[in-house]
Protein backbone atom coordinates (compact mmCIF):
# COMPACT_ATOMS: atom_id res chain seq x y z
CA MET A 1 5.92 11.59 1.27
CA HIS A 2 4.85 9.14 -1.54
CA GLY A 3 8.32 8.78 -3.30
CA ALA A 4 9.94 7.92 -0.25
CA ALA A 5 7.07 5.00 0.55
CA LEU A 6 7.58 3.99 -2.88
CA ALA A 7 11.58 3.35 -2.24
CA ILE A 8 11.11 2.07 1.37
CA VAL A 9 8.74 -0.76 0.49
CA PRO A 10 11.31 -2.72 -1.53
CA ALA A 11 14.19 -1.54 0.36
CA THR A 12 12.46 -2.96 3.32
CA CYS A 13 11.58 -6.38 1.65
CA TYR A 14 14.88 -6.97 -0.16
CA LEU A 15 18.06 -5.22 1.78
CA PRO A 16 17.98 -6.46 5.28
CA GLN A 17 19.81 -9.98 5.71
CA THR A 18 19.58 -10.10 9.38
CA TYR A 19 16.77 -9.74 11.98
CA THR A 20 18.66 -6.60 13.26
CA GLN A 21 18.64 -4.89 10.10
CA MET A 22 15.13 -5.70 9.49
CA LEU A 23 14.26 -4.11 13.03
CA PHE A 24 16.24 -1.12 12.05
CA LEU A 25 14.32 -0.65 8.91
CA LEU A 26 10.86 -1.08 10.04
CA PRO A 27 10.62 2.30 11.71
CA PHE A 28 11.51 4.00 8.44
CA TYR A 29 9.02 1.73 6.53
CA GLY A 30 5.99 2.72 9.16
CA PHE A 31 6.92 6.35 8.91
CA PHE A 32 6.80 6.72 5.31
CA THR A 33 4.12 4.34 4.47
CA VAL A 34 1.48 5.01 7.48
CA GLY A 35 2.94 8.67 7.95
CA ILE A 36 1.29 9.47 4.52
CA HIS A 37 -2.54 9.34 6.35
CA SER A 38 -1.30 12.08 8.78
CA GLY A 39 -1.93 14.81 6.29
CA TYR A 40 -5.47 13.71 5.33
CA ALA A 41 -7.21 15.29 8.48
CA VAL A 42 -5.85 18.68 7.46
CA TYR A 43 -6.14 18.21 3.51
CA PHE A 44 -9.68 16.73 3.28
CA PRO A 45 -11.57 19.46 4.98
CA GLU A 46 -9.97 22.26 2.83
CA LEU A 47 -11.45 20.56 -0.10
CA PHE A 48 -15.17 21.29 1.02
CA PRO A 49 -17.33 24.36 1.87
CA ASP A 50 -18.08 24.48 5.37
CA HIS A 51 -21.71 23.24 5.32
CA LEU A 52 -20.41 19.97 3.45
CA ARG A 53 -17.11 19.67 5.13
CA ALA A 54 -17.87 16.77 7.66
CA THR A 55 -19.86 14.84 4.76
CA GLY A 56 -16.92 15.37 2.34
CA VAL A 57 -14.34 14.36 5.04
CA GLY A 58 -16.44 11.28 5.84
CA VAL A 59 -16.73 10.27 2.04
CA CYS A 60 -13.29 10.44 1.57
CA PHE A 61 -12.29 8.37 4.62
CA ASN A 62 -14.56 5.77 4.09
CA GLY A 63 -14.54 5.71 0.71
CA GLY A 64 -10.90 5.02 1.01
CA ARG A 65 -11.67 2.38 3.16
CA LEU A 66 -14.14 0.46 0.63
CA LEU A 67 -11.50 0.71 -1.99
CA ALA A 68 -8.93 -0.57 -0.10
CA ALA A 69 -10.99 -3.67 0.90
CA PRO A 70 -10.48 -5.43 -2.44
CA VAL A 71 -6.55 -4.86 -2.22
CA LEU A 72 -6.63 -7.39 0.88
CA TRP A 73 -8.11 -10.13 -1.67
CA LEU A 74 -5.47 -9.20 -4.14
CA SER A 75 -2.73 -9.38 -1.74
CA GLY A 76 -3.75 -12.66 -0.93
CA ASP A 77 -4.09 -13.80 -4.54
CA LEU A 78 -0.78 -12.14 -5.53
CA LYS A 79 1.16 -13.93 -3.05
CA ALA A 80 -0.38 -17.41 -4.11
CA TRP A 81 0.30 -16.68 -7.74
CA THR A 82 3.85 -15.69 -7.27
CA GLY A 83 4.88 -17.67 -3.95
CA ASP A 84 6.88 -14.68 -3.02
CA LEU A 85 5.86 -12.87 -0.28
CA ARG A 86 8.80 -9.94 -0.77
CA PHE A 87 7.49 -9.79 -4.37
CA ALA A 88 3.93 -9.30 -3.58
CA VAL A 89 4.51 -6.57 -1.01
CA THR A 90 6.81 -4.95 -3.23
CA ALA A 91 4.10 -5.05 -6.29
CA LEU A 92 1.45 -3.66 -3.74
CA GLY A 93 3.81 -1.13 -2.85
CA GLY A 94 3.65 0.28 -6.35
CA LEU A 95 0.43 1.55 -5.62
CA PHE A 96 2.37 4.35 -4.28
CA LEU A 97 2.65 5.38 -8.04
CA VAL A 98 -0.92 5.73 -8.07
CA GLY A 99 -0.75 8.19 -5.32
CA LEU A 100 2.14 10.21 -7.11
CA VAL A 101 0.14 10.30 -10.23
CA LEU A 102 -3.32 11.61 -8.33
CA VAL A 103 -1.50 14.05 -6.73
CA TRP A 104 -1.02 16.07 -9.76
CA PHE A 105 -4.66 16.31 -10.27
CA LEU A 106 -5.66 17.35 -6.69
CA PRO A 107 -6.72 21.20 -6.43
CA GLU A 108 -4.48 23.42 -4.37
CA THR A 109 -6.59 25.36 -1.76
CA LYS A 110 -3.82 27.46 -0.14
CA GLY A 111 -4.65 31.07 -0.11
CA LYS A 112 -7.96 30.42 -2.09
CA PRO A 113 -11.36 31.24 -0.68
CA LEU A 114 -13.49 28.34 -0.45
CA PRO A 115 -16.90 28.28 -2.01
CA GLN A 116 -19.82 28.93 0.71
């Protein structure tokens, strides 16, 4: 999913030549960029034992929000520095590369007992 998100961001920024083409691409953009979050509610609880599950999931979700907040400032600064919104959005879409790298380090919990 991260790989598709990494590809759809620049495609949506640079490929459409008309408003209709943009309207065609935007559902795919939304599916691949926001759809990543759909697995979090299933994946995060499996990382924690039963007695820490709610706290762990809360830390994951809210920690992500705290880490994302500075990106709002970065996005504004990036747009100001470059003067090109398409480039700024594409550069920020490069953060999906970070997600692709992090996936390799996350534990696999399928078929493994959780510590109690």
